[in-house]
N, C-alpha and C. Protein backbone atom coordinates (compact mmCIF):
# COMPACT_ATOMS: atom_id res chain seq x y z
N MET A 1 1.02 -1.26 0.07
CA MET A 1 -0.04 -0.20 0.03
C MET A 1 0.67 1.57 0.36
N ALA A 2 0.54 2.18 -1.15
CA ALA A 2 1.29 3.30 -1.06
C ALA A 2 1.30 4.37 -0.07
N HIS A 3 1.56 5.04 0.65
CA HIS A 3 1.57 6.26 1.51
C HIS A 3 1.38 7.43 0.62
N ASP A 4 0.19 8.57 1.09
CA ASP A 4 0.01 9.82 0.40
C ASP A 4 0.67 10.83 1.11
N HIS A 5 1.65 11.11 0.16
CA HIS A 5 2.50 12.52 0.81
C HIS A 5 2.53 13.93 -0.06
N THR A 6 1.08 13.43 -0.53
CA THR A 6 0.36 14.55 -1.44
C THR A 6 -0.31 16.01 -0.61
N THR A 7 -0.15 15.65 0.57
CA THR A 7 -0.67 16.82 1.67
C THR A 7 0.22 17.85 1.71
N HIS A 8 -0.38 18.94 1.73
CA HIS A 8 1.22 19.97 1.93
C HIS A 8 1.55 20.45 2.88
N ARG A 9 1.94 19.47 3.91
CA ARG A 9 2.90 19.76 4.88
C ARG A 9 4.05 19.70 4.82
N ASP A 10 5.22 20.37 5.94
CA ASP A 10 6.68 20.20 6.19
C ASP A 10 6.87 19.42 6.41
N LEU A 11 7.86 18.72 6.54
CA LEU A 11 8.77 17.69 7.20
C LEU A 11 8.90 18.40 8.89
N VAL A 12 8.33 17.48 9.57
CA VAL A 12 9.12 17.96 10.94
C VAL A 12 10.21 17.33 11.62
N PRO A 13 11.54 18.25 11.60
CA PRO A 13 12.73 17.45 11.87
C PRO A 13 12.41 17.13 13.56
N LEU A 14 12.81 15.70 13.81
CA LEU A 14 12.85 14.98 14.86
C LEU A 14 14.50 15.01 15.74
N ASN A 15 14.59 15.11 16.78
CA ASN A 15 15.91 15.01 17.73
C ASN A 15 15.53 13.44 17.89
N ILE A 16 16.69 12.47 17.55
CA ILE A 16 16.69 10.86 17.33
C ILE A 16 18.27 10.81 17.82
N ALA A 17 18.20 9.72 19.06
CA ALA A 17 19.75 9.25 19.65
C ALA A 17 19.70 7.99 19.10
N ILE A 18 20.80 7.63 19.08
CA ILE A 18 20.95 6.51 18.45
C ILE A 18 21.95 5.91 19.38
N LEU A 19 21.56 4.62 19.60
CA LEU A 19 22.51 3.53 20.46
C LEU A 19 22.85 2.07 19.84
N THR A 20 24.04 1.79 19.90
CA THR A 20 24.87 0.78 19.37
C THR A 20 25.01 -0.03 21.07
N VAL A 21 24.38 -1.15 20.39
CA VAL A 21 24.53 -1.95 21.69
C VAL A 21 25.79 -3.49 21.52
N SER A 22 26.68 -3.14 21.96
CA SER A 22 27.70 -4.31 21.52
C SER A 22 28.96 -4.44 22.47
N ASP A 23 29.35 -5.91 22.53
CA ASP A 23 30.80 -5.94 23.07
C ASP A 23 31.67 -5.55 22.16
N SER A 24 31.68 -5.67 20.99
CA SER A 24 32.88 -5.55 20.26
C SER A 24 33.00 -4.50 18.81
N ARG A 25 31.53 -3.85 18.95
CA ARG A 25 32.00 -2.46 18.06
C ARG A 25 32.59 -1.44 18.87
N SER A 26 33.39 -0.37 18.26
CA SER A 26 33.79 1.08 18.24
C SER A 26 33.30 1.72 17.11
N GLU A 27 33.40 3.20 17.41
CA GLU A 27 33.15 4.11 16.64
C GLU A 27 33.89 3.63 15.03
N LYS A 28 35.05 3.32 15.10
CA LYS A 28 35.64 2.99 14.27
C LYS A 28 34.87 1.92 13.03
N ASN A 29 34.06 0.84 13.47
CA ASN A 29 33.85 -0.27 13.09
C ASN A 29 31.97 -0.54 13.24
N ASP A 30 31.50 0.43 13.69
CA ASP A 30 29.71 0.60 13.94
C ASP A 30 29.35 0.97 12.75
N ARG A 31 29.68 -0.04 11.79
CA ARG A 31 28.47 0.16 10.67
C ARG A 31 26.80 0.34 10.50
N SER A 32 26.41 -0.34 11.29
CA SER A 32 24.99 -0.04 11.77
C SER A 32 24.46 1.29 12.64
N GLY A 33 25.26 1.74 13.46
CA GLY A 33 24.66 2.86 13.91
C GLY A 33 25.38 3.99 13.18
N ARG A 34 26.34 3.94 12.25
CA ARG A 34 26.73 5.07 11.26
C ARG A 34 25.40 4.93 9.95
N LEU A 35 24.88 3.73 9.72
CA LEU A 35 23.94 3.82 8.28
C LEU A 35 22.89 4.13 9.19
N LEU A 36 22.24 4.04 10.54
CA LEU A 36 21.01 4.46 10.84
C LEU A 36 20.90 6.37 10.98
N VAL A 37 22.55 6.49 11.28
CA VAL A 37 22.71 7.85 11.50
C VAL A 37 22.63 9.14 9.99
N SER A 38 23.46 8.33 9.14
CA SER A 38 22.98 8.96 7.65
C SER A 38 21.65 8.83 7.56
N ARG A 39 21.23 7.37 7.46
CA ARG A 39 19.67 7.40 6.93
C ARG A 39 18.72 8.86 7.41
N LEU A 40 18.95 9.00 8.92
CA LEU A 40 17.74 9.72 9.47
C LEU A 40 18.31 11.37 8.96
N GLU A 41 19.38 11.58 8.88
CA GLU A 41 19.60 12.88 8.60
C GLU A 41 19.43 13.01 6.98
N GLN A 42 20.10 12.22 6.16
CA GLN A 42 19.35 12.31 4.65
C GLN A 42 17.93 12.80 4.58
N THR A 43 16.92 12.12 5.77
CA THR A 43 15.59 12.61 5.47
C THR A 43 15.11 13.67 6.39
N GLY A 44 15.95 14.35 6.72
CA GLY A 44 15.90 16.32 7.36
C GLY A 44 15.64 15.71 9.07
N HIS A 45 16.08 14.89 9.66
CA HIS A 45 15.71 14.79 11.17
C HIS A 45 17.56 14.99 11.92
N ARG A 46 17.57 15.20 12.69
CA ARG A 46 18.44 15.33 13.34
C ARG A 46 18.96 14.08 14.13
N THR A 47 20.33 14.06 14.61
CA THR A 47 20.83 13.29 15.56
C THR A 47 21.49 14.19 16.48
N TYR A 48 20.78 13.99 17.60
CA TYR A 48 20.86 14.43 19.00
C TYR A 48 21.82 14.06 19.90
N GLN A 49 22.23 12.60 19.53
CA GLN A 49 23.53 11.63 20.44
C GLN A 49 23.80 10.47 19.73
N LYS A 50 24.70 10.25 19.98
CA LYS A 50 25.36 8.32 19.15
C LYS A 50 26.02 7.81 20.26
N LEU A 51 25.77 6.63 21.08
CA LEU A 51 26.68 6.11 21.80
C LEU A 51 26.65 4.70 21.30
N ILE A 52 27.23 3.93 22.22
CA ILE A 52 28.14 2.61 22.03
C ILE A 52 28.08 2.10 23.37
N VAL A 53 27.32 1.15 23.66
CA VAL A 53 27.45 0.35 24.97
C VAL A 53 27.52 -0.83 25.05
N PRO A 54 28.28 -1.95 25.64
CA PRO A 54 28.23 -3.14 25.78
C PRO A 54 26.72 -3.82 25.93
N ASP A 55 26.65 -5.05 25.79
CA ASP A 55 25.65 -6.04 25.96
C ASP A 55 25.19 -5.70 27.40
N ASP A 56 24.81 -5.24 27.85
CA ASP A 56 24.94 -4.97 29.37
C ASP A 56 23.46 -4.28 29.80
N LYS A 57 22.47 -5.03 30.74
CA LYS A 57 20.96 -4.55 30.42
C LYS A 57 21.22 -3.00 31.38
N TYR A 58 22.14 -2.88 32.25
CA TYR A 58 22.10 -1.76 32.90
C TYR A 58 22.73 -0.61 32.55
N GLN A 59 24.10 -1.01 31.38
CA GLN A 59 24.04 0.14 30.70
C GLN A 59 23.01 0.72 29.29
N ILE A 60 22.75 -0.05 29.09
CA ILE A 60 21.58 -0.03 28.22
C ILE A 60 20.21 1.00 28.77
N ARG A 61 19.93 0.53 30.23
CA ARG A 61 18.98 0.97 30.61
C ARG A 61 19.01 2.55 31.03
N THR A 62 20.65 2.54 31.24
CA THR A 62 21.32 3.71 31.80
C THR A 62 20.98 5.25 30.97
N ALA A 63 21.44 4.24 29.60
CA ALA A 63 21.82 5.33 28.06
C ALA A 63 20.34 5.68 27.39
N ILE A 64 19.39 4.91 27.65
CA ILE A 64 18.06 5.06 26.98
C ILE A 64 17.24 6.09 28.28
N SER A 65 17.47 5.67 29.73
CA SER A 65 16.64 6.67 30.70
C SER A 65 17.02 7.98 30.40
N HIS A 66 18.44 7.95 30.52
CA HIS A 66 19.06 9.27 30.42
C HIS A 66 18.05 10.29 29.27
N TRP A 67 18.26 9.91 28.08
CA TRP A 67 17.43 10.37 26.72
C TRP A 67 15.76 10.37 27.19
N ILE A 68 15.36 9.59 27.68
CA ILE A 68 13.87 9.75 27.85
C ILE A 68 13.44 10.87 29.06
N SER A 69 14.28 11.09 29.62
CA SER A 69 14.43 12.18 30.59
C SER A 69 14.82 13.51 29.89
N ASP A 70 15.03 13.67 28.72
CA ASP A 70 15.62 14.80 28.35
C ASP A 70 14.70 15.08 27.22
N GLU A 71 13.94 16.68 27.68
CA GLU A 71 12.38 17.09 26.74
C GLU A 71 13.28 16.61 25.33
N GLN A 72 14.32 17.11 25.17
CA GLN A 72 14.95 17.54 23.41
C GLN A 72 14.88 16.46 22.32
N VAL A 73 14.86 15.09 23.44
CA VAL A 73 14.88 13.79 22.36
C VAL A 73 13.71 13.29 22.18
N GLN A 74 13.14 12.96 21.13
CA GLN A 74 11.90 12.11 20.54
C GLN A 74 12.01 11.07 20.41
N ILE A 75 13.07 10.81 19.81
CA ILE A 75 13.08 9.05 19.47
C ILE A 75 14.40 8.96 19.59
N VAL A 76 14.24 7.47 20.18
CA VAL A 76 15.84 6.64 20.33
C VAL A 76 15.55 5.47 19.72
N ILE A 77 16.50 4.88 18.85
CA ILE A 77 16.99 4.33 17.96
C ILE A 77 17.85 3.04 18.48
N THR A 78 17.70 2.13 18.74
CA THR A 78 18.80 1.01 19.25
C THR A 78 18.95 0.14 17.78
N THR A 79 20.29 -0.51 18.03
CA THR A 79 20.68 -1.22 17.23
C THR A 79 21.68 -2.27 17.83
N GLY A 80 21.22 -3.49 17.77
CA GLY A 80 22.06 -4.84 18.62
C GLY A 80 21.58 -4.84 19.79
N GLY A 81 21.74 -6.39 19.83
CA GLY A 81 21.28 -7.12 21.27
C GLY A 81 19.93 -7.56 21.43
N THR A 82 19.23 -7.72 20.19
CA THR A 82 18.02 -8.21 20.01
C THR A 82 17.77 -9.50 19.72
N GLY A 83 19.01 -10.21 19.63
CA GLY A 83 18.87 -11.80 19.46
C GLY A 83 18.76 -12.69 20.58
N LEU A 84 19.20 -14.03 20.27
CA LEU A 84 18.49 -15.01 21.15
C LEU A 84 19.96 -15.09 22.30
N THR A 85 20.92 -14.84 22.03
CA THR A 85 22.34 -15.73 22.73
C THR A 85 22.24 -15.10 24.11
N GLY A 86 23.02 -15.64 24.78
CA GLY A 86 23.40 -15.19 26.24
C GLY A 86 23.52 -13.80 27.00
N ARG A 87 24.30 -13.11 25.77
CA ARG A 87 24.48 -11.65 25.54
C ARG A 87 23.49 -10.99 25.16
N ASP A 88 22.42 -11.20 24.44
CA ASP A 88 21.57 -10.67 23.99
C ASP A 88 20.53 -10.07 25.11
N GLY A 89 20.49 -8.66 25.34
CA GLY A 89 19.67 -8.24 26.56
C GLY A 89 18.52 -6.95 25.93
N THR A 90 18.68 -6.45 24.84
CA THR A 90 18.23 -5.25 24.90
C THR A 90 16.63 -4.98 25.30
N PRO A 91 16.07 -6.38 24.73
CA PRO A 91 14.47 -5.86 24.83
C PRO A 91 14.11 -6.15 26.49
N GLU A 92 15.35 -7.12 27.08
CA GLU A 92 15.00 -6.87 28.59
C GLU A 92 15.42 -5.68 29.39
N ALA A 93 16.34 -4.94 28.62
CA ALA A 93 17.05 -3.64 29.56
C ALA A 93 15.79 -2.95 29.16
N VAL A 94 15.32 -3.04 27.46
CA VAL A 94 14.40 -1.67 27.65
C VAL A 94 13.19 -1.78 27.86
N ALA A 95 12.54 -2.87 27.70
CA ALA A 95 10.80 -3.62 28.29
C ALA A 95 10.33 -2.84 29.68
N PRO A 96 11.08 -2.78 30.61
CA PRO A 96 10.68 -2.32 31.78
C PRO A 96 10.34 -0.55 32.08
N LEU A 97 11.24 0.27 31.12
CA LEU A 97 10.68 1.48 30.74
C LEU A 97 9.83 1.62 30.14
N LEU A 98 9.16 0.91 29.10
CA LEU A 98 8.14 1.20 28.64
C LEU A 98 7.23 1.49 28.89
N ASP A 99 6.06 2.78 28.66
CA ASP A 99 4.93 2.81 29.28
C ASP A 99 3.50 2.16 28.52
N LYS A 100 4.30 1.68 26.97
CA LYS A 100 3.33 1.21 25.95
C LYS A 100 4.09 0.63 25.23
N THR A 101 3.61 -0.74 24.53
CA THR A 101 4.79 -0.87 23.72
C THR A 101 3.69 -1.11 22.25
N MET A 102 4.71 -1.05 21.39
CA MET A 102 4.04 -1.07 20.02
C MET A 102 4.25 -2.04 19.12
N ASP A 103 3.36 -3.09 19.31
CA ASP A 103 3.32 -4.65 19.27
C ASP A 103 3.68 -4.70 17.78
N GLY A 104 3.06 -4.20 17.27
CA GLY A 104 2.72 -4.12 15.96
C GLY A 104 4.21 -4.15 14.82
N PHE A 105 5.21 -3.04 15.71
CA PHE A 105 6.57 -2.90 15.13
C PHE A 105 7.18 -4.48 14.97
N GLY A 106 7.49 -5.16 15.90
CA GLY A 106 7.69 -6.23 16.08
C GLY A 106 7.46 -7.32 15.06
N GLU A 107 5.80 -7.16 15.18
CA GLU A 107 5.39 -8.10 14.02
C GLU A 107 5.96 -8.03 12.96
N MET A 108 5.81 -6.80 12.39
CA MET A 108 6.19 -6.08 10.88
C MET A 108 7.34 -6.35 10.69
N PHE A 109 8.27 -6.03 11.32
CA PHE A 109 9.70 -6.47 11.19
C PHE A 109 9.91 -7.57 11.04
N ARG A 110 9.93 -8.48 11.89
CA ARG A 110 9.52 -10.12 11.18
C ARG A 110 9.17 -10.46 10.11
N MET A 111 7.84 -10.04 9.64
CA MET A 111 6.94 -10.24 8.72
C MET A 111 7.71 -9.49 7.35
N MET A 112 8.56 -8.39 7.52
CA MET A 112 9.10 -7.72 6.37
C MET A 112 10.49 -8.58 6.48
N SER A 113 11.14 -9.25 7.52
CA SER A 113 12.67 -9.61 7.27
C SER A 113 12.18 -11.09 6.76
N PHE A 114 11.09 -11.60 6.88
CA PHE A 114 10.66 -12.89 6.26
C PHE A 114 11.46 -12.91 4.73
N GLU A 115 10.72 -11.79 4.24
CA GLU A 115 11.19 -11.55 2.89
C GLU A 115 12.55 -11.85 2.43
N THR A 116 13.10 -11.53 3.01
CA THR A 116 15.01 -11.61 3.14
C THR A 116 15.32 -12.71 3.60
N ILE A 117 15.61 -13.04 4.95
CA ILE A 117 16.03 -13.84 5.48
C ILE A 117 15.24 -15.30 5.96
N ALA A 118 14.32 -15.43 5.31
CA ALA A 118 13.44 -16.54 5.60
C ALA A 118 12.68 -16.61 7.51
N THR A 119 12.66 -18.10 7.61
CA THR A 119 12.78 -18.52 8.89
C THR A 119 13.75 -18.05 10.06
N SER A 120 15.16 -17.03 9.91
CA SER A 120 15.94 -16.84 10.26
C SER A 120 15.53 -15.55 11.03
N SER A 121 13.90 -15.15 10.82
CA SER A 121 13.37 -14.05 11.20
C SER A 121 12.78 -14.01 13.00
N LEU A 122 12.53 -15.58 12.77
CA LEU A 122 12.14 -15.76 14.10
C LEU A 122 13.46 -15.46 15.87
N GLN A 123 14.45 -15.42 14.98
CA GLN A 123 15.11 -14.98 16.02
C GLN A 123 15.24 -13.28 16.10
N SER A 124 14.63 -12.68 15.73
CA SER A 124 14.55 -11.35 15.97
C SER A 124 13.69 -10.74 17.32
N ARG A 125 13.86 -10.19 18.12
CA ARG A 125 13.27 -9.79 19.14
C ARG A 125 13.35 -8.25 18.65
N ALA A 126 12.70 -7.85 17.74
CA ALA A 126 12.85 -6.46 17.60
C ALA A 126 11.37 -6.09 18.32
N ILE A 127 11.75 -4.97 19.28
CA ILE A 127 10.96 -4.41 20.19
C ILE A 127 10.29 -2.77 19.60
N ALA A 128 9.07 -2.15 19.94
CA ALA A 128 9.11 -0.44 20.32
C ALA A 128 8.00 -0.80 21.09
N GLY A 129 8.08 0.87 21.34
CA GLY A 129 7.26 1.66 22.54
C GLY A 129 7.69 2.94 22.81
N VAL A 130 6.69 3.56 23.65
CA VAL A 130 6.45 4.85 24.43
C VAL A 130 7.39 4.43 25.95
N ALA A 131 8.05 5.62 25.81
CA ALA A 131 8.42 5.89 27.54
C ALA A 131 8.73 7.39 27.93
N ASN A 132 7.97 7.59 28.58
CA ASN A 132 8.15 9.31 28.89
C ASN A 132 7.52 10.12 27.81
N GLY A 133 6.85 9.77 27.16
CA GLY A 133 7.03 10.97 25.74
C GLY A 133 7.79 10.67 24.61
N THR A 134 8.36 9.16 24.80
CA THR A 134 9.73 9.19 23.66
C THR A 134 9.82 8.31 22.89
N PHE A 135 9.31 7.66 21.92
CA PHE A 135 9.41 6.77 21.12
C PHE A 135 10.71 5.54 20.97
N ILE A 136 10.87 4.32 21.27
CA ILE A 136 12.04 3.60 21.29
C ILE A 136 11.51 2.45 20.21
N PHE A 137 12.86 2.53 19.61
CA PHE A 137 12.86 1.05 18.34
C PHE A 137 13.90 0.69 18.77
N CYS A 138 13.57 -0.73 18.63
CA CYS A 138 14.87 -1.43 18.72
C CYS A 138 15.14 -2.59 17.76
N LEU A 139 16.17 -2.67 17.19
CA LEU A 139 16.51 -2.98 15.95
C LEU A 139 17.59 -4.25 15.99
N PRO A 140 17.56 -5.20 15.03
CA PRO A 140 18.89 -5.83 15.45
C PRO A 140 19.77 -5.24 14.93
N GLY A 141 21.51 -5.80 15.09
CA GLY A 141 22.40 -5.18 14.78
C GLY A 141 23.39 -5.33 13.44
N SER A 142 22.56 -6.33 12.74
CA SER A 142 23.17 -5.89 11.12
C SER A 142 22.54 -4.81 10.04
N THR A 143 23.68 -4.20 9.60
CA THR A 143 23.23 -3.39 8.87
C THR A 143 22.08 -3.43 7.87
N GLY A 144 21.74 -4.48 7.53
CA GLY A 144 20.48 -4.80 6.54
C GLY A 144 19.73 -4.80 7.36
N ALA A 145 19.33 -5.29 8.83
CA ALA A 145 18.27 -5.15 9.57
C ALA A 145 17.72 -3.63 9.61
N CYS A 146 19.04 -2.85 9.82
CA CYS A 146 19.00 -1.42 10.23
C CYS A 146 18.49 -1.05 9.06
N ALA A 147 18.90 -0.75 7.91
CA ALA A 147 18.45 -0.09 6.57
C ALA A 147 17.16 -0.74 6.62
N ASP A 148 16.36 -2.15 6.59
CA ASP A 148 15.13 -2.44 6.28
C ASP A 148 14.47 -1.85 7.36
N GLY A 149 14.47 -1.76 8.36
CA GLY A 149 13.56 -1.56 9.57
C GLY A 149 13.75 0.18 9.22
N TRP A 150 14.33 1.33 9.08
CA TRP A 150 14.54 2.28 8.94
C TRP A 150 13.72 2.71 7.39
N ASP A 151 14.19 2.26 6.58
CA ASP A 151 13.94 1.99 5.30
C ASP A 151 12.39 1.75 4.73
N LYS A 152 11.78 0.71 5.60
CA LYS A 152 10.45 0.14 5.03
C LYS A 152 9.39 0.45 6.22
N ILE A 153 9.79 0.85 7.38
CA ILE A 153 8.99 1.19 8.39
C ILE A 153 8.91 2.45 9.47
N ILE A 154 10.16 2.63 9.97
CA ILE A 154 10.43 3.65 10.67
C ILE A 154 10.29 4.76 9.94
N VAL A 155 11.13 5.39 8.83
CA VAL A 155 10.63 6.45 8.04
C VAL A 155 9.58 7.18 7.86
N GLU A 156 8.67 5.94 7.38
CA GLU A 156 7.61 6.43 7.30
C GLU A 156 6.90 7.04 8.34
N MET A 157 6.84 6.25 9.12
CA MET A 157 6.20 6.82 10.63
C MET A 157 6.54 7.80 11.21
N LEU A 158 7.96 8.46 10.95
CA LEU A 158 8.46 9.55 11.54
C LEU A 158 8.34 10.69 10.78
N ASP A 159 7.72 10.45 9.47
CA ASP A 159 7.37 11.59 8.68
C ASP A 159 5.89 12.10 8.85
N TYR A 160 5.82 13.44 9.33
CA TYR A 160 4.46 14.01 9.75
C TYR A 160 3.93 14.06 7.96
N ARG A 161 4.24 14.16 7.02
CA ARG A 161 3.76 14.02 5.58
C ARG A 161 2.66 13.22 5.62
N THR A 162 3.32 11.73 6.03
CA THR A 162 2.50 10.72 5.74
C THR A 162 1.41 10.33 6.26
N GLN A 163 0.45 10.10 5.30
CA GLN A 163 -1.19 9.87 5.75
C GLN A 163 -1.51 8.61 5.66
N PRO A 164 -2.51 8.20 6.30
CA PRO A 164 -3.81 9.03 6.67
C PRO A 164 -2.92 9.13 7.91
N CYS A 165 -1.73 8.60 8.77
CA CYS A 165 -1.43 8.96 10.21
C CYS A 165 -0.08 8.61 10.23
N ASN A 166 0.59 9.06 11.10
CA ASN A 166 2.11 9.18 11.75
C ASN A 166 2.52 8.67 12.91
N LEU A 167 3.09 9.05 13.33
CA LEU A 167 3.57 8.88 14.96
C LEU A 167 3.77 10.19 15.77
N VAL A 168 4.15 11.26 14.24
CA VAL A 168 4.82 12.86 14.85
C VAL A 168 3.39 13.46 15.40
N GLU A 169 2.00 12.91 14.78
CA GLU A 169 0.85 13.77 15.21
C GLU A 169 0.42 13.42 16.33
N LEU A 170 1.38 12.07 17.00
CA LEU A 170 0.63 11.69 18.62
C LEU A 170 1.49 12.32 19.31
N MET A 171 2.68 12.66 18.65
CA MET A 171 3.71 13.39 19.83
C MET A 171 3.12 14.26 21.11
N PRO A 172 2.41 15.20 20.26
CA PRO A 172 1.93 16.15 21.46
C PRO A 172 0.70 15.64 22.51
N ARG A 173 0.48 14.54 22.47
CA ARG A 173 -0.33 13.57 23.55
C ARG A 173 -0.25 12.20 23.95
N LEU A 174 1.08 12.53 23.99
CA LEU A 174 1.59 11.28 24.64
C LEU A 174 1.52 11.46 25.76
N LEU A 175 1.80 12.09 26.57
CA LEU A 175 1.84 12.42 27.74
C LEU A 175 0.27 12.64 28.44
N GLU A 176 -0.65 12.77 27.88
CA GLU A 176 -1.78 12.58 28.30
C GLU A 176 -1.78 12.08 29.70
N THR A 177 -2.83 12.44 30.53
CA THR A 177 -3.12 11.58 31.62
C THR A 177 -4.81 11.74 32.13
């Protein structure tokens, strides 16, 4: 289904924080983190901050907690730590922070991944949700997964011009009580 971009709206640039979760990546070899920064900036959004932390749920949680308490950060995207190995703990680190989950994101990501990696898509524990008015998306660590997640799902949802609806329209109402 094609999205209607014919409305006369301007892009609303968002501040997006990128967190790479890895025991082995550094700024020098973090291709997935760099890909996400490149993609978001190409579409008119801003990189608020980019960090790399080890696969440690407390360090992951600390970084994300800092960003969700910062009113300048509207979106957090993580890459890595969503697999099934003993060290993969991004979903466990993020889930307790979420006020609401966006279950359809993980479902859609795995459905889309099935087209590329077939049944290996079952190994992805990609998740998303909202914490303190900030959208959080947790992607696998491969560059292909990050490209697909951004290009096929996230970019449309973070574009105010996407109709019939997008996540940007919801932002003013996320903290309603």
